[in-house]
Amino acid sequence: MKTAAIYCRVSTEDQEREGTSLQTQLEACLSYCQDKSYSVAYRFSEAYSGLALERPKLNELRELVRAGDIDIIIVYCLDRFSRDPTHGVILTQELEKH
């Protein structure tokens, strides 16, 4: 069984009203993990701009990846992980390395 971490992010109150609230994201990710038989060991939620690479909860998640504590990261949508294409490449390379 794969050990998963769920990462949820919003940057505006509008997202809460538009159906991509932290709770909506978490519920969808948990359902996906259940369907795939992933063991969810960590859940991260934060309200922070996706244009910033340095985010408190994302940094915690990255540390878990470096330590080898998780096998897979689940996000509601890739833009919840990063809104900056350059940061997306950095994160992808970092994840692939570990």
Protein backbone atom coordinates (compact mmCIF):
# COMPACT_ATOMS: atom_id res chain seq x y z
CA MET A 1 0.00 0.00 0.00
CA LYS A 2 1.34 3.42 -0.96
CA THR A 3 1.67 6.11 1.68
CA ALA A 4 0.10 9.36 0.51
CA ALA A 5 0.12 13.00 1.49
CA ILE A 6 -2.73 15.28 0.45
CA TYR A 7 -1.99 18.92 -0.33
CA CYS A 8 -4.84 21.45 -0.58
CA ARG A 9 -4.47 25.18 -1.22
CA VAL A 10 -6.62 28.24 -1.78
CA SER A 11 -5.43 31.78 -2.30
CA THR A 12 -8.68 33.74 -2.24
CA GLU A 13 -12.00 33.73 -0.45
CA ASP A 14 -13.65 33.51 -3.88
CA GLN A 15 -12.29 29.99 -4.26
CA GLU A 16 -14.11 29.03 -1.09
CA ARG A 17 -17.38 30.20 -2.68
CA GLU A 18 -16.66 28.80 -6.17
CA GLY A 19 -16.47 25.18 -5.12
CA THR A 20 -12.73 24.71 -4.71
CA SER A 21 -12.71 25.24 -0.96
CA LEU A 22 -10.13 23.48 1.17
CA GLN A 23 -12.84 21.11 2.38
CA THR A 24 -14.02 20.33 -1.17
CA GLN A 25 -10.45 19.62 -2.26
CA LEU A 26 -9.77 17.44 0.77
CA GLU A 27 -12.93 15.38 0.31
CA ALA A 28 -12.14 14.76 -3.38
CA CYS A 29 -8.55 13.79 -2.58
CA LEU A 30 -9.61 11.46 0.20
CA SER A 31 -12.12 9.79 -2.11
CA TYR A 32 -9.43 9.34 -4.77
CA CYS A 33 -7.05 7.81 -2.21
CA GLN A 34 -9.75 5.43 -1.05
CA ASP A 35 -10.41 4.35 -4.65
CA LYS A 36 -6.69 3.71 -5.18
CA SER A 37 -6.19 2.05 -1.76
CA TYR A 38 -3.62 4.65 -0.71
CA SER A 39 -2.92 5.11 2.98
CA VAL A 40 -3.23 8.83 3.78
CA ALA A 41 -0.56 9.62 6.34
CA TYR A 42 -0.52 13.42 6.00
CA ARG A 43 -2.99 16.16 5.14
CA PHE A 44 -1.86 19.69 4.36
CA SER A 45 -4.15 22.68 3.83
CA GLU A 46 -3.14 26.30 3.47
CA ALA A 47 -4.35 29.66 2.23
CA TYR A 48 -1.40 30.99 0.29
CA SER A 49 -0.60 32.25 -3.18
CA GLY A 50 0.32 29.53 -5.65
CA LEU A 51 2.82 31.93 -7.20
CA ALA A 52 5.10 31.59 -4.15
CA LEU A 53 7.42 28.60 -4.01
CA GLU A 54 8.09 29.07 -0.32
CA ARG A 55 4.87 28.19 1.50
CA PRO A 56 4.79 26.84 5.06
CA LYS A 57 2.75 23.68 4.40
CA LEU A 58 4.37 23.03 1.02
CA ASN A 59 7.77 23.26 2.71
CA GLU A 60 6.67 20.66 5.28
CA LEU A 61 5.50 18.41 2.46
CA ARG A 62 8.79 18.81 0.60
CA GLU A 63 10.68 17.79 3.74
CA LEU A 64 8.62 14.60 3.97
CA VAL A 65 9.47 13.83 0.35
CA ARG A 66 13.19 14.40 0.99
CA ALA A 67 13.03 12.13 4.04
CA GLY A 68 11.32 9.38 2.04
CA ASP A 69 8.30 9.36 4.34
CA ILE A 70 5.70 9.36 1.55
CA ASP A 71 5.28 7.59 -1.76
CA ILE A 72 2.78 9.84 -3.47
CA ILE A 73 1.34 13.36 -3.28
CA ILE A 74 -2.32 13.88 -4.08
CA VAL A 75 -3.63 17.30 -5.14
CA TYR A 76 -7.09 18.31 -6.33
CA CYS A 77 -5.65 19.99 -9.41
CA LEU A 78 -2.09 20.83 -10.47
CA ASP A 79 -2.71 24.56 -10.09
CA ARG A 80 -3.27 23.91 -6.38
CA PHE A 81 0.34 22.72 -6.21
CA SER A 82 1.87 25.60 -8.18
CA ARG A 83 0.68 28.48 -10.35
CA ASP A 84 4.16 29.34 -11.64
CA PRO A 85 5.39 27.07 -14.47
CA THR A 86 9.02 27.49 -13.40
CA HIS A 87 8.17 26.46 -9.85
CA GLY A 88 6.21 23.53 -11.24
CA VAL A 89 9.34 22.31 -13.01
CA ILE A 90 11.43 22.78 -9.85
CA LEU A 91 8.93 20.83 -7.76
CA THR A 92 8.60 18.08 -10.35
CA GLN A 93 12.36 17.64 -10.57
CA GLU A 94 12.64 17.59 -6.79
CA LEU A 95 9.90 14.96 -6.50
CA GLU A 96 11.39 12.79 -9.23
CA LYS A 97 14.79 12.94 -7.52
CA HIS A 98 13.37 11.52 -4.30
